[in-house]
Amino acid sequence: MDNIMDKLAEKISAQDMIKANSQAEVEAAISQSVDALSKKMEENFDKKFDENSTKTHDVGVQTYRNIQAVLNKQEEKHQEQYKEIERKFEELHFAVETKNNAVLPIVIVALFVAGADLIINVLRVFGIL
């Protein structure tokens, strides 16, 4: 009877061992699959991240160039406006200089006439004239 029990115990143990080995093999295969899938996902993530980083950089560079172009156009426009204002100022300055040159003789004549009138009035007050 011991023999039968030992054989039965060996069979159960062997079956358990076969089951355990099969289960271990399945777990190992699953673990390898998960590792491979995880590695592949990480590679894909890195690839997508690099692509997005490159695209983001390209968009940033394009935006920077567009802004520079707009600023350059505005600067040219302001330079043209500045030149126009400077030209008008020079014209105004020339006109003022010309008018001042024309007014100066008139002012001198007016001062002489006013001085002569003052002298005549002073002489009248004293009774000389």
N, C-alpha and C. Protein backbone atom coordinates (compact mmCIF):
# COMPACT_ATOMS: atom_id res chain seq x y z
N MET A 1 0.82 -1.18 0.00
CA MET A 1 0.00 0.00 0.00
C MET A 1 0.88 1.25 0.00
N ASP A 2 1.98 1.15 0.69
CA ASP A 2 2.92 2.28 0.67
C ASP A 2 3.39 2.57 -0.74
N ASN A 3 3.59 1.54 -1.47
CA ASN A 3 4.04 1.70 -2.85
C ASN A 3 3.02 2.46 -3.68
N ILE A 4 1.80 2.13 -3.52
CA ILE A 4 0.73 2.80 -4.26
C ILE A 4 0.65 4.25 -3.84
N MET A 5 0.78 4.48 -2.58
CA MET A 5 0.71 5.86 -2.06
C MET A 5 1.91 6.67 -2.56
N ASP A 6 3.07 6.04 -2.57
CA ASP A 6 4.27 6.74 -3.06
C ASP A 6 4.12 7.07 -4.53
N LYS A 7 3.61 6.10 -5.30
CA LYS A 7 3.42 6.33 -6.72
C LYS A 7 2.38 7.42 -6.95
N LEU A 8 1.32 7.39 -6.16
CA LEU A 8 0.28 8.42 -6.28
C LEU A 8 0.85 9.78 -5.90
N ALA A 9 1.66 9.84 -4.87
CA ALA A 9 2.28 11.09 -4.45
C ALA A 9 3.24 11.58 -5.52
N GLU A 10 3.98 10.64 -6.14
CA GLU A 10 4.89 11.03 -7.21
C GLU A 10 4.12 11.55 -8.41
N LYS A 11 2.99 10.92 -8.74
CA LYS A 11 2.19 11.37 -9.87
C LYS A 11 1.63 12.75 -9.61
N ILE A 12 1.13 12.97 -8.42
CA ILE A 12 0.58 14.28 -8.10
C ILE A 12 1.68 15.31 -8.13
N SER A 13 2.80 14.96 -7.60
CA SER A 13 3.93 15.88 -7.59
C SER A 13 4.40 16.14 -9.00
N ALA A 14 4.46 15.11 -9.81
CA ALA A 14 4.90 15.27 -11.19
C ALA A 14 3.90 16.13 -11.96
N GLN A 15 2.64 15.87 -11.73
CA GLN A 15 1.62 16.68 -12.41
C GLN A 15 1.70 18.13 -11.94
N ASP A 16 1.89 18.31 -10.63
CA ASP A 16 2.03 19.68 -10.12
C ASP A 16 3.28 20.34 -10.69
N MET A 17 4.33 19.55 -10.80
CA MET A 17 5.56 20.11 -11.35
C MET A 17 5.39 20.47 -12.82
N ILE A 18 4.71 19.61 -13.56
CA ILE A 18 4.45 19.90 -14.98
C ILE A 18 3.60 21.16 -15.10
N LYS A 19 2.58 21.25 -14.26
CA LYS A 19 1.72 22.44 -14.25
C LYS A 19 2.53 23.68 -13.88
N ALA A 20 3.35 23.53 -12.86
CA ALA A 20 4.16 24.66 -12.41
C ALA A 20 5.15 25.08 -13.48
N ASN A 21 5.76 24.09 -14.17
CA ASN A 21 6.68 24.41 -15.25
C ASN A 21 5.96 25.09 -16.40
N SER A 22 4.80 24.56 -16.73
CA SER A 22 4.01 25.17 -17.81
C SER A 22 3.63 26.60 -17.44
N GLN A 23 3.20 26.76 -16.21
CA GLN A 23 2.81 28.09 -15.75
C GLN A 23 4.02 29.03 -15.75
N ALA A 24 5.17 28.53 -15.34
CA ALA A 24 6.39 29.35 -15.33
C ALA A 24 6.78 29.74 -16.76
N GLU A 25 6.65 28.78 -17.70
CA GLU A 25 6.96 29.08 -19.09
C GLU A 25 6.02 30.14 -19.65
N VAL A 26 4.73 30.00 -19.31
CA VAL A 26 3.74 30.99 -19.77
C VAL A 26 4.06 32.36 -19.17
N GLU A 27 4.39 32.38 -17.90
CA GLU A 27 4.71 33.65 -17.24
C GLU A 27 5.97 34.26 -17.85
N ALA A 28 6.95 33.43 -18.16
CA ALA A 28 8.18 33.93 -18.78
C ALA A 28 7.88 34.49 -20.17
N ALA A 29 7.04 33.77 -20.92
CA ALA A 29 6.68 34.24 -22.27
C ALA A 29 5.92 35.56 -22.17
N ILE A 30 5.00 35.65 -21.23
CA ILE A 30 4.24 36.90 -21.03
C ILE A 30 5.19 38.03 -20.64
N SER A 31 6.10 37.73 -19.73
CA SER A 31 7.06 38.74 -19.29
C SER A 31 7.92 39.22 -20.45
N GLN A 32 8.38 38.28 -21.29
CA GLN A 32 9.17 38.67 -22.46
C GLN A 32 8.35 39.51 -23.42
N SER A 33 7.09 39.12 -23.62
CA SER A 33 6.21 39.87 -24.51
C SER A 33 5.98 41.28 -23.97
N VAL A 34 5.74 41.36 -22.68
CA VAL A 34 5.52 42.68 -22.06
C VAL A 34 6.77 43.53 -22.18
N ASP A 35 7.93 42.93 -21.94
CA ASP A 35 9.19 43.67 -22.06
C ASP A 35 9.40 44.16 -23.50
N ALA A 36 9.16 43.28 -24.46
CA ALA A 36 9.34 43.64 -25.87
C ALA A 36 8.35 44.75 -26.25
N LEU A 37 7.11 44.60 -25.82
CA LEU A 37 6.09 45.61 -26.12
C LEU A 37 6.43 46.94 -25.46
N SER A 38 6.88 46.86 -24.22
CA SER A 38 7.28 48.08 -23.50
C SER A 38 8.44 48.78 -24.20
N LYS A 39 9.41 48.00 -24.64
CA LYS A 39 10.56 48.58 -25.34
C LYS A 39 10.13 49.22 -26.66
N LYS A 40 9.27 48.53 -27.38
CA LYS A 40 8.78 49.05 -28.65
C LYS A 40 7.97 50.34 -28.44
N MET A 41 7.14 50.36 -27.39
CA MET A 41 6.35 51.56 -27.09
C MET A 41 7.27 52.72 -26.72
N GLU A 42 8.32 52.43 -25.95
CA GLU A 42 9.26 53.47 -25.56
C GLU A 42 9.99 54.03 -26.79
N GLU A 43 10.39 53.14 -27.70
CA GLU A 43 11.04 53.58 -28.93
C GLU A 43 10.10 54.46 -29.76
N ASN A 44 8.86 54.01 -29.88
CA ASN A 44 7.86 54.81 -30.63
C ASN A 44 7.63 56.16 -29.96
N PHE A 45 7.56 56.14 -28.63
CA PHE A 45 7.37 57.40 -27.90
C PHE A 45 8.54 58.34 -28.15
N ASP A 46 9.75 57.81 -28.05
CA ASP A 46 10.95 58.63 -28.29
C ASP A 46 10.95 59.19 -29.71
N LYS A 47 10.59 58.36 -30.68
CA LYS A 47 10.54 58.78 -32.07
C LYS A 47 9.51 59.90 -32.26
N LYS A 48 8.32 59.71 -31.72
CA LYS A 48 7.26 60.72 -31.83
C LYS A 48 7.66 62.01 -31.11
N PHE A 49 8.28 61.85 -29.95
CA PHE A 49 8.73 63.03 -29.19
C PHE A 49 9.75 63.83 -29.99
N ASP A 50 10.71 63.13 -30.61
CA ASP A 50 11.71 63.80 -31.43
C ASP A 50 11.07 64.50 -32.63
N GLU A 51 10.11 63.81 -33.27
CA GLU A 51 9.40 64.43 -34.40
C GLU A 51 8.67 65.69 -33.97
N ASN A 52 7.95 65.61 -32.86
CA ASN A 52 7.21 66.77 -32.36
C ASN A 52 8.16 67.89 -31.96
N SER A 53 9.27 67.53 -31.37
CA SER A 53 10.25 68.53 -30.97
C SER A 53 10.80 69.24 -32.21
N THR A 54 11.08 68.49 -33.25
CA THR A 54 11.59 69.08 -34.49
C THR A 54 10.53 69.98 -35.13
N LYS A 55 9.29 69.51 -35.16
CA LYS A 55 8.21 70.32 -35.73
C LYS A 55 8.00 71.59 -34.93
N THR A 56 8.04 71.48 -33.62
CA THR A 56 7.88 72.65 -32.76
C THR A 56 8.99 73.65 -33.01
N HIS A 57 10.20 73.16 -33.14
CA HIS A 57 11.34 74.04 -33.43
C HIS A 57 11.16 74.74 -34.78
N ASP A 58 10.74 73.96 -35.78
CA ASP A 58 10.53 74.54 -37.11
C ASP A 58 9.46 75.62 -37.09
N VAL A 59 8.38 75.37 -36.38
CA VAL A 59 7.31 76.38 -36.27
C VAL A 59 7.82 77.61 -35.54
N GLY A 60 8.62 77.40 -34.49
CA GLY A 60 9.18 78.53 -33.76
C GLY A 60 10.09 79.37 -34.64
N VAL A 61 10.92 78.72 -35.44
CA VAL A 61 11.83 79.44 -36.35
C VAL A 61 11.02 80.20 -37.40
N GLN A 62 9.99 79.57 -37.93
CA GLN A 62 9.16 80.22 -38.94
C GLN A 62 8.45 81.43 -38.34
N THR A 63 7.93 81.29 -37.13
CA THR A 63 7.27 82.41 -36.46
C THR A 63 8.26 83.55 -36.23
N TYR A 64 9.46 83.21 -35.78
CA TYR A 64 10.49 84.23 -35.55
C TYR A 64 10.81 84.98 -36.85
N ARG A 65 10.95 84.25 -37.94
CA ARG A 65 11.25 84.89 -39.22
C ARG A 65 10.10 85.78 -39.68
N ASN A 66 8.87 85.34 -39.47
CA ASN A 66 7.72 86.16 -39.85
C ASN A 66 7.68 87.45 -39.04
N ILE A 67 7.94 87.34 -37.75
CA ILE A 67 7.94 88.54 -36.90
C ILE A 67 9.05 89.49 -37.33
N GLN A 68 10.23 88.93 -37.64
CA GLN A 68 11.34 89.78 -38.10
C GLN A 68 10.97 90.49 -39.39
N ALA A 69 10.30 89.80 -40.30
CA ALA A 69 9.90 90.42 -41.56
C ALA A 69 8.92 91.56 -41.31
N VAL A 70 7.97 91.34 -40.43
CA VAL A 70 6.99 92.39 -40.11
C VAL A 70 7.69 93.59 -39.47
N LEU A 71 8.60 93.32 -38.54
CA LEU A 71 9.33 94.41 -37.89
C LEU A 71 10.19 95.18 -38.88
N ASN A 72 10.81 94.47 -39.82
CA ASN A 72 11.62 95.14 -40.84
C ASN A 72 10.76 96.04 -41.73
N LYS A 73 9.57 95.56 -42.11
CA LYS A 73 8.67 96.38 -42.92
C LYS A 73 8.24 97.62 -42.16
N GLN A 74 7.91 97.44 -40.87
CA GLN A 74 7.50 98.59 -40.07
C GLN A 74 8.65 99.58 -39.91
N GLU A 75 9.86 99.06 -39.76
CA GLU A 75 11.02 99.94 -39.62
C GLU A 75 11.23 100.75 -40.91
N GLU A 76 11.09 100.09 -42.06
CA GLU A 76 11.22 100.80 -43.33
C GLU A 76 10.15 101.88 -43.45
N LYS A 77 8.94 101.53 -43.05
CA LYS A 77 7.84 102.50 -43.10
C LYS A 77 8.13 103.69 -42.20
N HIS A 78 8.62 103.42 -40.99
CA HIS A 78 8.94 104.50 -40.06
C HIS A 78 10.10 105.34 -40.57
N GLN A 79 11.06 104.71 -41.22
CA GLN A 79 12.18 105.45 -41.80
C GLN A 79 11.68 106.40 -42.89
N GLU A 80 10.77 105.92 -43.72
CA GLU A 80 10.20 106.77 -44.76
C GLU A 80 9.43 107.93 -44.14
N GLN A 81 8.64 107.66 -43.10
CA GLN A 81 7.90 108.72 -42.43
C GLN A 81 8.85 109.72 -41.80
N TYR A 82 9.92 109.24 -41.21
CA TYR A 82 10.91 110.11 -40.59
C TYR A 82 11.56 111.01 -41.64
N LYS A 83 11.91 110.43 -42.78
CA LYS A 83 12.52 111.23 -43.86
C LYS A 83 11.55 112.29 -44.35
N GLU A 84 10.27 111.93 -44.46
CA GLU A 84 9.25 112.90 -44.91
C GLU A 84 9.13 114.03 -43.90
N ILE A 85 9.10 113.70 -42.61
CA ILE A 85 9.00 114.74 -41.57
C ILE A 85 10.25 115.61 -41.58
N GLU A 86 11.41 114.99 -41.76
CA GLU A 86 12.66 115.76 -41.80
C GLU A 86 12.67 116.71 -43.00
N ARG A 87 12.19 116.23 -44.15
CA ARG A 87 12.11 117.08 -45.34
C ARG A 87 11.18 118.27 -45.10
N LYS A 88 10.02 118.00 -44.50
CA LYS A 88 9.07 119.09 -44.21
C LYS A 88 9.66 120.08 -43.21
N PHE A 89 10.38 119.57 -42.22
CA PHE A 89 11.01 120.45 -41.25
C PHE A 89 12.04 121.35 -41.92
N GLU A 90 12.83 120.79 -42.83
CA GLU A 90 13.82 121.60 -43.54
C GLU A 90 13.14 122.67 -44.38
N GLU A 91 12.02 122.32 -45.03
CA GLU A 91 11.27 123.32 -45.81
C GLU A 91 10.76 124.42 -44.90
N LEU A 92 10.22 124.05 -43.75
CA LEU A 92 9.70 125.03 -42.79
C LEU A 92 10.83 125.89 -42.26
N HIS A 93 11.95 125.29 -41.94
CA HIS A 93 13.11 126.03 -41.44
C HIS A 93 13.58 127.03 -42.50
N PHE A 94 13.63 126.62 -43.75
CA PHE A 94 14.03 127.52 -44.84
C PHE A 94 13.04 128.67 -44.98
N ALA A 95 11.74 128.36 -44.88
CA ALA A 95 10.72 129.41 -44.99
C ALA A 95 10.85 130.41 -43.85
N VAL A 96 11.08 129.91 -42.64
CA VAL A 96 11.23 130.81 -41.49
C VAL A 96 12.48 131.67 -41.66
N GLU A 97 13.56 131.08 -42.10
CA GLU A 97 14.80 131.83 -42.32
C GLU A 97 14.57 132.93 -43.36
N THR A 98 13.88 132.57 -44.43
CA THR A 98 13.62 133.54 -45.50
C THR A 98 12.73 134.67 -44.99
N LYS A 99 11.70 134.33 -44.24
CA LYS A 99 10.79 135.36 -43.71
C LYS A 99 11.52 136.23 -42.70
N ASN A 100 12.35 135.63 -41.88
CA ASN A 100 13.11 136.42 -40.90
C ASN A 100 14.06 137.38 -41.60
N ASN A 101 14.65 136.97 -42.69
CA ASN A 101 15.53 137.84 -43.44
C ASN A 101 14.75 139.00 -44.05
N ALA A 102 13.52 138.75 -44.45
CA ALA A 102 12.69 139.79 -45.05
C ALA A 102 12.14 140.72 -43.97
N VAL A 103 11.89 140.21 -42.79
CA VAL A 103 11.27 140.99 -41.72
C VAL A 103 12.29 141.91 -41.06
N LEU A 104 13.53 141.50 -40.99
CA LEU A 104 14.56 142.28 -40.30
C LEU A 104 14.69 143.71 -40.84
N PRO A 105 14.77 143.94 -42.13
CA PRO A 105 14.84 145.33 -42.61
C PRO A 105 13.59 146.14 -42.24
N ILE A 106 12.43 145.47 -42.28
CA ILE A 106 11.19 146.18 -41.93
C ILE A 106 11.21 146.57 -40.46
N VAL A 107 11.70 145.70 -39.61
CA VAL A 107 11.80 145.99 -38.18
C VAL A 107 12.75 147.16 -37.94
N ILE A 108 13.87 147.17 -38.64
CA ILE A 108 14.84 148.26 -38.47
C ILE A 108 14.24 149.59 -38.90
N VAL A 109 13.54 149.60 -40.04
CA VAL A 109 12.88 150.83 -40.51
C VAL A 109 11.83 151.27 -39.52
N ALA A 110 11.05 150.30 -38.97
CA ALA A 110 10.01 150.65 -38.00
C ALA A 110 10.64 151.23 -36.75
N LEU A 111 11.76 150.72 -36.30
CA LEU A 111 12.45 151.27 -35.12
C LEU A 111 12.94 152.70 -35.38
N PHE A 112 13.49 152.94 -36.56
CA PHE A 112 13.92 154.30 -36.90
C PHE A 112 12.75 155.27 -36.94
N VAL A 113 11.64 154.85 -37.52
CA VAL A 113 10.45 155.72 -37.59
C VAL A 113 9.92 155.98 -36.18
N ALA A 114 9.86 154.94 -35.34
CA ALA A 114 9.37 155.12 -33.97
C ALA A 114 10.32 156.05 -33.20
N GLY A 115 11.62 155.88 -33.40
CA GLY A 115 12.59 156.76 -32.72
C GLY A 115 12.46 158.20 -33.18
N ALA A 116 12.29 158.39 -34.47
CA ALA A 116 12.12 159.74 -35.01
C ALA A 116 10.84 160.37 -34.47
N ASP A 117 9.78 159.58 -34.39
CA ASP A 117 8.52 160.09 -33.86
C ASP A 117 8.67 160.47 -32.39
N LEU A 118 9.40 159.68 -31.64
CA LEU A 118 9.64 159.97 -30.22
C LEU A 118 10.42 161.28 -30.07
N ILE A 119 11.43 161.44 -30.89
CA ILE A 119 12.22 162.67 -30.82
C ILE A 119 11.37 163.88 -31.17
N ILE A 120 10.55 163.76 -32.19
CA ILE A 120 9.67 164.88 -32.59
C ILE A 120 8.70 165.20 -31.47
N ASN A 121 8.12 164.19 -30.84
CA ASN A 121 7.18 164.44 -29.74
C ASN A 121 7.88 165.07 -28.54
N VAL A 122 9.09 164.67 -28.23
CA VAL A 122 9.83 165.24 -27.12
C VAL A 122 10.13 166.71 -27.43
N LEU A 123 10.53 166.99 -28.65
CA LEU A 123 10.82 168.38 -29.05
C LEU A 123 9.57 169.24 -28.99
N ARG A 124 8.41 168.72 -29.32
CA ARG A 124 7.17 169.45 -29.24
C ARG A 124 6.82 169.76 -27.80
N VAL A 125 7.08 168.76 -26.92
CA VAL A 125 6.76 168.96 -25.52
C VAL A 125 7.60 170.11 -24.98
N PHE A 126 8.83 170.19 -25.36
CA PHE A 126 9.70 171.26 -24.87
C PHE A 126 9.49 172.55 -25.64
N GLY A 127 8.71 172.49 -26.65
CA GLY A 127 8.38 173.70 -27.38
C GLY A 127 9.39 174.08 -28.44
N ILE A 128 10.26 173.23 -28.75
CA ILE A 128 11.25 173.53 -29.75
C ILE A 128 10.63 173.42 -31.14
N LEU A 129 9.72 172.64 -31.35
CA LEU A 129 9.08 172.52 -32.65
C LEU A 129 7.67 173.02 -32.64
